[in-house]
Structures are given as structure tokens and as C-alpha cells.
Amino acid sequence: MIAKVTDIINLLEQIAPSSLAEEWDNCGLQVGKADWPVKTVWIALDPVSTIIDAACNKNVDMLITHHPLIFRPLTSVDFNTPTGSIILKAALHKMSLFAAHTNLDSASGGINDVLARKIGLSNLKVMAPAKEDDAGKHGLGRVGDINKSVRLIDFANTIKQQLGIESVRFAGNPDLEINKAAVCAGSGSGLMKQFFSSGAQVYISGDLKYHDARDIEEAGLGMIDMGHFESEHLIVDILAGRLKKKLTETGFDITVDVCNFEKTPFTLL
């Protein structure tokens, strides 16, 4: 059975409903047409030029990323700009670009649930519940229990080793005993208020700011900054597996691959 872009979008809606996206976000179909046929899908974190070029060379029909290509409104499409160049390449190759961003962050079983479980948290609760979600299953961030009380510095080391991260930053007393943690994949500065009211002793996220660290330190709590890329990239394999399962269940014969050369833009000296 031949699938179209709209068929893939419908399956993604079951995994991460677009209704869960934040108002300021721009999820969904970024480039392409709903009726274009799809035989090959790639999944990546970022729609950057190296990934676009590789996908075009491999004749990929649809690229699904977490971060949107078009985040802020465009006033023009200049093919000499990075974004314009990507739009042109995708259009010429008839490759659709699709983004599942804050809806994938908020969805039950989405990035935040995956990250929280990966670092060993249990009894998870949503930190910032989604609007109109009476069941409390969806929303940004998660709060969970650590199986055994542990020092902040030891927990930071555990996260580093368990996720294979080159380095992490932490703030607070290294000997702080923690048994409850709050997690927000990606950039967590916007949920500082929710963290302070969560009852957690440590906040794990990426892109946390200097003054976030100071505020956490002054409150006698802890912070672990594991990096934006590192906190989110683990969803790529998970999303690929879920999409493959749904495609098989619906009878579509489509190849779903993960972009395996993606890496953080930062280099540590």
C-alpha cells in the first residue's frame, strides 16, 4: 500500500498530537505537500544543511525532525540564506520536512518521559500540565523519585556515564542528598518556577542560565545541565521504532531510518 505524507502525519498525530504544542511553537509540515508519496523516512533532531544534503542524496521522501526549520515567521524566501537553501533543496527533491517539537516534549511517552526513565526516575508526574488535560498525562517536564538517596555529584556522574555524555555541568552543594528530581528535556529555564514548587531537590535540563544556577544554589537545591542536544537526541531512535510499528500495523511498506551522524554543535576544549 502506497503511503502519502498525510498518512505519516496521521500516524505521528497518534504519537504526539499537535494539539499539545505550545502556542508559540511551529510544529507540523514545514515544506512539501500532503499528497506526495512516501517510501523512505528519515528521523533526526535538527533540519540542518548537512542532514538535508545527505537525505536528498539518499532520495529520502520525508524528513521528520524535532526542531522546526521554520520557527519564526519568514518575511521572504531567499535561496541564498541557510533556511531558503534548505527549502529549495527539499522542494527540488520533493522531500517533505515535518517537525514534532513541543508536542513531542509534552506527550505521554514523549521526550521527557523517555529522558526521566533513562536516568532512573520512577513514579513520574508531569511538572507543567498541558491545558485541558484532566488526566494529567501530558505536559512539559517530569518529576520523579530516585530509587535510592544519592549525592548530587554522584547523580551527575551517573547521568554522564549512563547517557554517554562527554561532560555535564552542575550547581549546588556536591554533597546535597537527593531523592527526587525534576527533568525538562531541551531548554529548561522556562520551568524554573515549576521546579521550585515541585519538591524536587535537583533540576536536570539543558541550556540553563547563570542566574538559574545562582537561584538554585541560593535555594539550597541542585542543578545538572546535561546539554540541549544530549537531553533530546535519545528520542530519535524511540520515535523511529514507534513509527515503524504503526506503519507495520497499518500495512504500509515504508523504510524508516535514523540519521546516524548527527552530533552536538559544541566542541569542548
C-alpha atoms as a PDB file:
ATOM      1  CA  MET A   1       0.000   0.000   0.000  1.00  0.00           C
ATOM      2  CA  ILE A   2       1.445   3.352  -1.085  1.00  0.00           C
ATOM      3  CA  ALA A   3       1.620   5.939   1.660  1.00  0.00           C
ATOM      4  CA  LYS A   4       1.408   9.688   1.330  1.00  0.00           C
ATOM      5  CA  VAL A   5       2.773  12.438   3.546  1.00  0.00           C
ATOM      6  CA  THR A   6      -0.669  12.871   5.098  1.00  0.00           C
ATOM      7  CA  ASP A   7      -0.685   9.192   6.144  1.00  0.00           C
ATOM      8  CA  ILE A   8       2.601   9.626   8.024  1.00  0.00           C
ATOM      9  CA  ILE A   9       1.311  12.801   9.648  1.00  0.00           C
ATOM     10  CA  ASN A  10      -1.814  10.973  10.840  1.00  0.00           C
ATOM     11  CA  LEU A  11       0.333   8.306  12.500  1.00  0.00           C
ATOM     12  CA  LEU A  12       2.551  10.943  14.116  1.00  0.00           C
ATOM     13  CA  GLU A  13      -0.607  12.582  15.489  1.00  0.00           C
ATOM     14  CA  GLN A  14      -1.234   9.370  17.422  1.00  0.00           C
ATOM     15  CA  ILE A  15       2.255   9.554  18.935  1.00  0.00           C
ATOM     16  CA  ALA A  16       2.420  13.301  19.609  1.00  0.00           C
ATOM     17  CA  PRO A  17      -0.855  15.159  18.954  1.00  0.00           C
ATOM     18  CA  SER A  18      -0.300  18.627  17.504  1.00  0.00           C
ATOM     19  CA  SER A  19      -2.854  19.972  20.000  1.00  0.00           C
ATOM     20  CA  LEU A  20      -0.187  19.538  22.708  1.00  0.00           C
ATOM     21  CA  ALA A  21       2.182  22.043  21.057  1.00  0.00           C
ATOM     22  CA  GLU A  22       2.814  25.325  22.845  1.00  0.00           C
ATOM     23  CA  GLU A  23       1.136  28.411  21.353  1.00  0.00           C
ATOM     24  CA  TRP A  24       4.488  29.968  20.441  1.00  0.00           C
ATOM     25  CA  ASP A  25       5.684  26.843  18.631  1.00  0.00           C
ATOM     26  CA  ASN A  26       5.570  25.948  14.928  1.00  0.00           C
ATOM     27  CA  CYS A  27       5.063  22.213  14.511  1.00  0.00           C
ATOM     28  CA  GLY A  28       3.792  20.181  11.602  1.00  0.00           C
ATOM     29  CA  LEU A  29       4.524  20.179   7.868  1.00  0.00           C
ATOM     30  CA  GLN A  30       7.233  22.751   7.169  1.00  0.00           C
ATOM     31  CA  VAL A  31       7.938  22.070   3.490  1.00  0.00           C
ATOM     32  CA  GLY A  32       6.194  19.823   0.954  1.00  0.00           C
ATOM     33  CA  LYS A  33       2.729  18.595   0.036  1.00  0.00           C
ATOM     34  CA  ALA A  34       0.336  16.355   1.887  1.00  0.00           C
ATOM     35  CA  ASP A  35      -0.277  14.185  -1.183  1.00  0.00           C
ATOM     36  CA  TRP A  36       3.382  13.457  -2.027  1.00  0.00           C
ATOM     37  CA  PRO A  37       4.147   9.715  -1.944  1.00  0.00           C
ATOM     38  CA  VAL A  38       6.468   8.395   0.758  1.00  0.00           C
ATOM     39  CA  LYS A  39       8.674   5.316   0.521  1.00  0.00           C
ATOM     40  CA  THR A  40      11.571   6.380   2.738  1.00  0.00           C
ATOM     41  CA  VAL A  41      11.532   8.373   6.003  1.00  0.00           C
ATOM     42  CA  TRP A  42      14.473   9.763   7.941  1.00  0.00           C
ATOM     43  CA  ILE A  43      14.308  10.937  11.552  1.00  0.00           C
ATOM     44  CA  ALA A  44      16.728  13.461  13.067  1.00  0.00           C
ATOM     45  CA  LEU A  45      16.862  16.134  15.737  1.00  0.00           C
ATOM     46  CA  ASP A  46      17.728  19.153  13.560  1.00  0.00           C
ATOM     47  CA  PRO A  47      16.950  20.080   9.923  1.00  0.00           C
ATOM     48  CA  VAL A  48      20.454  21.401   9.219  1.00  0.00           C
ATOM     49  CA  SER A  49      22.111  21.557   5.813  1.00  0.00           C
ATOM     50  CA  THR A  50      24.358  18.504   6.270  1.00  0.00           C
ATOM     51  CA  ILE A  51      21.360  16.325   7.074  1.00  0.00           C
ATOM     52  CA  ILE A  52      19.262  17.824   4.269  1.00  0.00           C
ATOM     53  CA  ASP A  53      22.060  17.183   1.747  1.00  0.00           C
ATOM     54  CA  ALA A  54      22.529  13.583   2.912  1.00  0.00           C
ATOM     55  CA  ALA A  55      18.773  12.934   2.857  1.00  0.00           C
ATOM     56  CA  CYS A  56      18.469  14.327  -0.667  1.00  0.00           C
ATOM     57  CA  ASN A  57      21.395  12.177  -1.828  1.00  0.00           C
ATOM     58  CA  LYS A  58      19.650   9.110  -0.393  1.00  0.00           C
ATOM     59  CA  ASN A  59      16.356  10.058  -2.087  1.00  0.00           C
ATOM     60  CA  VAL A  60      14.532  10.358   1.230  1.00  0.00           C
ATOM     61  CA  ASP A  61      10.885  11.307   0.727  1.00  0.00           C
ATOM     62  CA  MET A  62      10.176  12.705   4.196  1.00  0.00           C
ATOM     63  CA  LEU A  63      12.445  14.059   6.908  1.00  0.00           C
ATOM     64  CA  ILE A  64      10.961  14.204  10.403  1.00  0.00           C
ATOM     65  CA  THR A  65      12.842  16.364  12.905  1.00  0.00           C
ATOM     66  CA  HIS A  66      12.234  17.506  16.450  1.00  0.00           C
ATOM     67  CA  HIS A  67      13.283  21.117  15.904  1.00  0.00           C
ATOM     68  CA  PRO A  68      11.348  23.070  13.250  1.00  0.00           C
ATOM     69  CA  LEU A  69      13.091  24.515  10.205  1.00  0.00           C
ATOM     70  CA  ILE A  70      10.718  27.488  10.243  1.00  0.00           C
ATOM     71  CA  PHE A  71      10.346  28.719  13.801  1.00  0.00           C
ATOM     72  CA  ARG A  72       9.823  32.447  13.371  1.00  0.00           C
ATOM     73  CA  PRO A  73       7.683  33.890  10.538  1.00  0.00           C
ATOM     74  CA  LEU A  74       9.591  34.348   7.283  1.00  0.00           C
ATOM     75  CA  THR A  75       9.309  37.682   5.506  1.00  0.00           C
ATOM     76  CA  SER A  76      10.871  36.253   2.357  1.00  0.00           C
ATOM     77  CA  VAL A  77      12.344  33.040   0.980  1.00  0.00           C
ATOM     78  CA  ASP A  78      15.830  33.942  -0.233  1.00  0.00           C
ATOM     79  CA  PHE A  79      17.560  30.858  -1.625  1.00  0.00           C
ATOM     80  CA  ASN A  80      20.925  32.349  -0.653  1.00  0.00           C
ATOM     81  CA  THR A  81      20.065  32.145   3.051  1.00  0.00           C
ATOM     82  CA  PRO A  82      20.521  28.904   5.032  1.00  0.00           C
ATOM     83  CA  THR A  83      16.774  28.422   5.510  1.00  0.00           C
ATOM     84  CA  GLY A  84      15.956  29.379   1.928  1.00  0.00           C
ATOM     85  CA  SER A  85      18.603  26.988   0.617  1.00  0.00           C
ATOM     86  CA  ILE A  86      17.099  24.107   2.613  1.00  0.00           C
ATOM     87  CA  ILE A  87      13.590  24.916   1.374  1.00  0.00           C
ATOM     88  CA  LEU A  88      14.857  24.949  -2.224  1.00  0.00           C
ATOM     89  CA  LYS A  89      16.702  21.624  -1.920  1.00  0.00           C
ATOM     90  CA  ALA A  90      13.741  19.934  -0.254  1.00  0.00           C
ATOM     91  CA  ALA A  91      11.316  21.247  -2.873  1.00  0.00           C
ATOM     92  CA  LEU A  92      13.524  20.249  -5.822  1.00  0.00           C
ATOM     93  CA  HIS A  93      13.886  16.725  -4.429  1.00  0.00           C
ATOM     94  CA  LYS A  94      10.205  16.534  -3.471  1.00  0.00           C
ATOM     95  CA  MET A  95      11.216  15.792   0.108  1.00  0.00           C
ATOM     96  CA  SER A  96       8.739  16.876   2.766  1.00  0.00           C
ATOM     97  CA  LEU A  97      10.007  18.324   6.048  1.00  0.00           C
ATOM     98  CA  PHE A  98       7.971  17.787   9.195  1.00  0.00           C
ATOM     99  CA  ALA A  99       8.587  18.874  12.805  1.00  0.00           C
ATOM    100  CA  ALA A 100       7.275  17.352  16.036  1.00  0.00           C
ATOM    101  CA  HIS A 101       8.529  19.803  18.666  1.00  0.00           C
ATOM    102  CA  THR A 102       6.824  20.794  21.923  1.00  0.00           C
ATOM    103  CA  ASN A 103       4.015  18.333  21.223  1.00  0.00           C
ATOM    104  CA  LEU A 104       6.635  15.556  21.369  1.00  0.00           C
ATOM    105  CA  ASP A 105       8.029  17.125  24.563  1.00  0.00           C
ATOM    106  CA  SER A 106       4.597  17.160  26.206  1.00  0.00           C
ATOM    107  CA  ALA A 107       3.140  13.872  25.002  1.00  0.00           C
ATOM    108  CA  SER A 108       2.862  10.954  27.380  1.00  0.00           C
ATOM    109  CA  GLY A 109       5.730   8.671  26.425  1.00  0.00           C
ATOM    110  CA  GLY A 110       7.488  11.575  24.697  1.00  0.00           C
ATOM    111  CA  ILE A 111      10.931  13.045  25.218  1.00  0.00           C
ATOM    112  CA  ASN A 112      10.521  13.978  28.872  1.00  0.00           C
ATOM    113  CA  ASP A 113       9.207  10.554  29.860  1.00  0.00           C
ATOM    114  CA  VAL A 114      11.993   8.835  27.916  1.00  0.00           C
ATOM    115  CA  LEU A 115      14.698  11.014  29.490  1.00  0.00           C
ATOM    116  CA  ALA A 116      13.314  10.659  33.018  1.00  0.00           C
ATOM    117  CA  ARG A 117      13.214   6.872  32.780  1.00  0.00           C
ATOM    118  CA  LYS A 118      16.631   6.747  31.133  1.00  0.00           C
ATOM    119  CA  ILE A 119      18.214   8.404  34.161  1.00  0.00           C
ATOM    120  CA  GLY A 120      16.384   6.088  36.539  1.00  0.00           C
ATOM    121  CA  LEU A 121      13.403   8.093  37.785  1.00  0.00           C
ATOM    122  CA  SER A 122      10.169   6.383  38.797  1.00  0.00           C
ATOM    123  CA  ASN A 123       6.644   7.410  39.863  1.00  0.00           C
ATOM    124  CA  LEU A 124       6.684  10.130  37.220  1.00  0.00           C
ATOM    125  CA  LYS A 125       4.370  13.128  37.319  1.00  0.00           C
ATOM    126  CA  VAL A 126       4.016  15.989  34.846  1.00  0.00           C
ATOM    127  CA  MET A 127       5.716  19.176  36.043  1.00  0.00           C
ATOM    128  CA  ALA A 128       3.744  21.678  33.911  1.00  0.00           C
ATOM    129  CA  PRO A 129       0.468  20.000  32.822  1.00  0.00           C
ATOM    130  CA  ALA A 130      -0.893  20.703  29.364  1.00  0.00           C
ATOM    131  CA  LYS A 131      -4.056  22.770  29.110  1.00  0.00           C
ATOM    132  CA  GLU A 132      -7.308  20.827  29.014  1.00  0.00           C
ATOM    133  CA  ASP A 133      -5.598  17.594  30.073  1.00  0.00           C
ATOM    134  CA  ASP A 134      -7.695  16.498  33.017  1.00  0.00           C
ATOM    135  CA  ALA A 135      -5.886  13.169  33.286  1.00  0.00           C
ATOM    136  CA  GLY A 136      -2.529  14.889  33.863  1.00  0.00           C
ATOM    137  CA  LYS A 137      -0.763  12.615  31.369  1.00  0.00           C
ATOM    138  CA  HIS A 138       0.663  15.316  29.091  1.00  0.00           C
ATOM    139  CA  GLY A 139       2.711  18.430  29.677  1.00  0.00           C
ATOM    140  CA  LEU A 140       6.233  19.822  29.864  1.00  0.00           C
ATOM    141  CA  GLY A 141       8.786  18.388  32.278  1.00  0.00           C
ATOM    142  CA  ARG A 142       8.584  15.443  34.639  1.00  0.00           C
ATOM    143  CA  VAL A 143       9.160  14.940  38.362  1.00  0.00           C
ATOM    144  CA  GLY A 144      10.108  11.549  39.716  1.00  0.00           C
ATOM    145  CA  ASP A 145      11.685   9.585  42.522  1.00  0.00           C
ATOM    146  CA  ILE A 146      15.272   8.379  42.638  1.00  0.00           C
ATOM    147  CA  ASN A 147      15.344   4.775  43.819  1.00  0.00           C
ATOM    148  CA  LYS A 148      17.937   5.445  46.481  1.00  0.00           C
ATOM    149  CA  SER A 149      19.102   8.700  48.075  1.00  0.00           C
ATOM    150  CA  VAL A 150      22.275   9.883  46.336  1.00  0.00           C
ATOM    151  CA  ARG A 151      24.677  12.821  46.455  1.00  0.00           C
ATOM    152  CA  LEU A 152      24.315  15.495  43.770  1.00  0.00           C
ATOM    153  CA  ILE A 153      27.825  14.954  42.405  1.00  0.00           C
ATOM    154  CA  ASP A 154      27.315  11.192  42.210  1.00  0.00           C
ATOM    155  CA  PHE A 155      23.995  11.589  40.406  1.00  0.00           C
ATOM    156  CA  ALA A 156      25.607  13.985  37.925  1.00  0.00           C
ATOM    157  CA  ASN A 157      28.304  11.379  37.241  1.00  0.00           C
ATOM    158  CA  THR A 158      25.676   8.649  36.840  1.00  0.00           C
ATOM    159  CA  ILE A 159      23.807  10.690  34.229  1.00  0.00           C
ATOM    160  CA  LYS A 160      27.049  11.407  32.396  1.00  0.00           C
ATOM    161  CA  GLN A 161      28.019   7.749  32.247  1.00  0.00           C
ATOM    162  CA  GLN A 162      24.564   6.295  31.642  1.00  0.00           C
ATOM    163  CA  LEU A 163      23.842   8.554  28.688  1.00  0.00           C
ATOM    164  CA  GLY A 164      27.402   8.560  27.341  1.00  0.00           C
ATOM    165  CA  ILE A 165      27.747  12.333  27.600  1.00  0.00           C
ATOM    166  CA  GLU A 166      31.175  13.916  27.294  1.00  0.00           C
ATOM    167  CA  SER A 167      30.540  16.398  30.099  1.00  0.00           C
ATOM    168  CA  VAL A 168      27.805  17.841  32.328  1.00  0.00           C
ATOM    169  CA  ARG A 169      27.634  20.993  34.458  1.00  0.00           C
ATOM    170  CA  PHE A 170      26.158  21.067  37.912  1.00  0.00           C
ATOM    171  CA  ALA A 171      25.462  23.720  40.531  1.00  0.00           C
ATOM    172  CA  GLY A 172      24.781  23.397  44.230  1.00  0.00           C
ATOM    173  CA  ASN A 173      26.409  21.592  47.109  1.00  0.00           C
ATOM    174  CA  PRO A 174      28.133  18.475  45.678  1.00  0.00           C
ATOM    175  CA  ASP A 175      27.170  16.547  48.830  1.00  0.00           C
ATOM    176  CA  LEU A 176      23.479  17.517  48.638  1.00  0.00           C
ATOM    177  CA  GLU A 177      21.391  14.396  49.285  1.00  0.00           C
ATOM    178  CA  ILE A 178      18.682  13.987  46.672  1.00  0.00           C
ATOM    179  CA  ASN A 179      15.840  11.506  46.325  1.00  0.00           C
ATOM    180  CA  LYS A 180      13.525  13.387  43.982  1.00  0.00           C
ATOM    181  CA  ALA A 181      14.404  15.024  40.654  1.00  0.00           C
ATOM    182  CA  ALA A 182      12.746  17.292  38.105  1.00  0.00           C
ATOM    183  CA  VAL A 183      13.547  16.888  34.406  1.00  0.00           C
ATOM    184  CA  CYS A 184      12.955  19.081  31.361  1.00  0.00           C
ATOM    185  CA  ALA A 185      14.485  17.989  28.062  1.00  0.00           C
ATOM    186  CA  GLY A 186      15.889  20.738  25.865  1.00  0.00           C
ATOM    187  CA  SER A 187      15.892  24.231  27.343  1.00  0.00           C
ATOM    188  CA  GLY A 188      14.550  24.237  30.901  1.00  0.00           C
ATOM    189  CA  SER A 189      14.825  27.856  32.029  1.00  0.00           C
ATOM    190  CA  GLY A 190      11.137  28.463  31.384  1.00  0.00           C
ATOM    191  CA  LEU A 191      10.112  25.927  34.034  1.00  0.00           C
ATOM    192  CA  MET A 192      12.179  27.230  36.942  1.00  0.00           C
ATOM    193  CA  LYS A 193       9.055  28.280  38.863  1.00  0.00           C
ATOM    194  CA  GLN A 194       7.562  24.816  38.470  1.00  0.00           C
ATOM    195  CA  PHE A 195      10.811  23.214  39.618  1.00  0.00           C
ATOM    196  CA  PHE A 196      10.899  25.259  42.821  1.00  0.00           C
ATOM    197  CA  SER A 197       7.341  24.205  43.665  1.00  0.00           C
ATOM    198  CA  SER A 198       7.818  20.553  42.682  1.00  0.00           C
ATOM    199  CA  GLY A 199       9.504  19.328  45.862  1.00  0.00           C
ATOM    200  CA  ALA A 200      12.469  18.014  43.862  1.00  0.00           C
ATOM    201  CA  GLN A 201      15.995  18.659  45.163  1.00  0.00           C
ATOM    202  CA  VAL A 202      17.641  18.733  41.721  1.00  0.00           C
ATOM    203  CA  TYR A 203      16.697  20.074  38.286  1.00  0.00           C
ATOM    204  CA  ILE A 204      18.049  18.268  35.212  1.00  0.00           C
ATOM    205  CA  SER A 205      17.846  20.031  31.871  1.00  0.00           C
ATOM    206  CA  GLY A 206      19.834  21.833  29.186  1.00  0.00           C
ATOM    207  CA  ASP A 207      20.571  25.482  28.344  1.00  0.00           C
ATOM    208  CA  LEU A 208      20.161  26.542  31.969  1.00  0.00           C
ATOM    209  CA  LYS A 209      21.369  30.075  32.615  1.00  0.00           C
ATOM    210  CA  TYR A 210      23.874  31.574  35.021  1.00  0.00           C
ATOM    211  CA  HIS A 211      21.147  33.213  37.098  1.00  0.00           C
ATOM    212  CA  ASP A 212      19.167  29.959  37.124  1.00  0.00           C
ATOM    213  CA  ALA A 213      22.187  28.330  38.729  1.00  0.00           C
ATOM    214  CA  ARG A 214      22.518  31.131  41.264  1.00  0.00           C
ATOM    215  CA  ASP A 215      18.827  30.968  42.198  1.00  0.00           C
ATOM    216  CA  ILE A 216      19.021  27.191  42.607  1.00  0.00           C
ATOM    217  CA  GLU A 217      22.197  27.469  44.651  1.00  0.00           C
ATOM    218  CA  GLU A 218      20.662  30.092  46.937  1.00  0.00           C
ATOM    219  CA  ALA A 219      17.611  27.875  47.488  1.00  0.00           C
ATOM    220  CA  GLY A 220      19.870  25.092  48.734  1.00  0.00           C
ATOM    221  CA  LEU A 221      18.985  22.904  45.771  1.00  0.00           C
ATOM    222  CA  GLY A 222      20.925  21.366  42.887  1.00  0.00           C
ATOM    223  CA  MET A 223      21.063  21.665  39.126  1.00  0.00           C
ATOM    224  CA  ILE A 224      22.501  19.415  36.414  1.00  0.00           C
ATOM    225  CA  ASP A 225      22.860  20.843  32.905  1.00  0.00           C
ATOM    226  CA  MET A 226      23.399  17.932  30.522  1.00  0.00           C
ATOM    227  CA  GLY A 227      23.136  19.940  27.310  1.00  0.00           C
ATOM    228  CA  HIS A 228      20.261  20.648  24.949  1.00  0.00           C
ATOM    229  CA  PHE A 229      21.276  18.144  22.250  1.00  0.00           C
ATOM    230  CA  GLU A 230      22.183  15.440  24.742  1.00  0.00           C
ATOM    231  CA  SER A 231      18.861  15.691  26.571  1.00  0.00           C
ATOM    232  CA  GLU A 232      16.778  15.341  23.409  1.00  0.00           C
ATOM    233  CA  HIS A 233      18.640  13.242  20.863  1.00  0.00           C
ATOM    234  CA  LEU A 234      17.695   9.987  22.604  1.00  0.00           C
ATOM    235  CA  ILE A 235      14.126  10.393  21.277  1.00  0.00           C
ATOM    236  CA  VAL A 236      15.260   9.870  17.663  1.00  0.00           C
ATOM    237  CA  ASP A 237      15.635   6.091  17.945  1.00  0.00           C
ATOM    238  CA  ILE A 238      12.491   5.816  20.069  1.00  0.00           C
ATOM    239  CA  LEU A 239      10.385   7.780  17.571  1.00  0.00           C
ATOM    240  CA  ALA A 240      11.725   5.705  14.672  1.00  0.00           C
ATOM    241  CA  GLY A 241      10.741   2.492  16.449  1.00  0.00           C
ATOM    242  CA  ARG A 242       7.244   3.721  17.254  1.00  0.00           C
ATOM    243  CA  LEU A 243       6.629   4.957  13.719  1.00  0.00           C
ATOM    244  CA  LYS A 244       7.865   1.647  12.251  1.00  0.00           C
ATOM    245  CA  LYS A 245       5.440  -0.255  14.497  1.00  0.00           C
ATOM    246  CA  LYS A 246       2.479   1.880  13.466  1.00  0.00           C
ATOM    247  CA  LEU A 247       3.400   1.622   9.775  1.00  0.00           C
ATOM    248  CA  THR A 248       3.538  -2.168  10.048  1.00  0.00           C
ATOM    249  CA  GLU A 249       0.170  -2.244  11.816  1.00  0.00           C
ATOM    250  CA  THR A 250      -1.430  -0.142   9.070  1.00  0.00           C
ATOM    251  CA  GLY A 251       0.101  -2.164   6.223  1.00  0.00           C
ATOM    252  CA  PHE A 252       2.413   0.475   4.776  1.00  0.00           C
ATOM    253  CA  ASP A 253       5.721  -0.785   3.393  1.00  0.00           C
ATOM    254  CA  ILE A 254       7.986   2.167   4.216  1.00  0.00           C
ATOM    255  CA  THR A 255      11.640   2.308   5.204  1.00  0.00           C
ATOM    256  CA  VAL A 256      12.264   4.343   8.372  1.00  0.00           C
ATOM    257  CA  ASP A 257      15.877   5.185   9.176  1.00  0.00           C
ATOM    258  CA  VAL A 258      17.610   7.253  11.839  1.00  0.00           C
ATOM    259  CA  CYS A 259      20.167   9.867  10.849  1.00  0.00           C
ATOM    260  CA  ASN A 260      23.247   8.299  12.479  1.00  0.00           C
ATOM    261  CA  PHE A 261      25.838  11.067  12.070  1.00  0.00           C
ATOM    262  CA  GLU A 262      24.123  13.856  13.992  1.00  0.00           C
ATOM    263  CA  LYS A 263      26.115  15.479  16.803  1.00  0.00           C
ATOM    264  CA  THR A 264      26.067  18.486  19.091  1.00  0.00           C
ATOM    265  CA  PRO A 265      27.317  21.749  17.543  1.00  0.00           C
ATOM    266  CA  PHE A 266      29.558  22.376  20.559  1.00  0.00           C
ATOM    267  CA  THR A 267      33.178  21.272  20.852  1.00  0.00           C
ATOM    268  CA  LEU A 268      34.795  21.036  24.283  1.00  0.00           C
ATOM    269  CA  LEU A 269      38.431  22.068  24.706  1.00  0.00           C
END
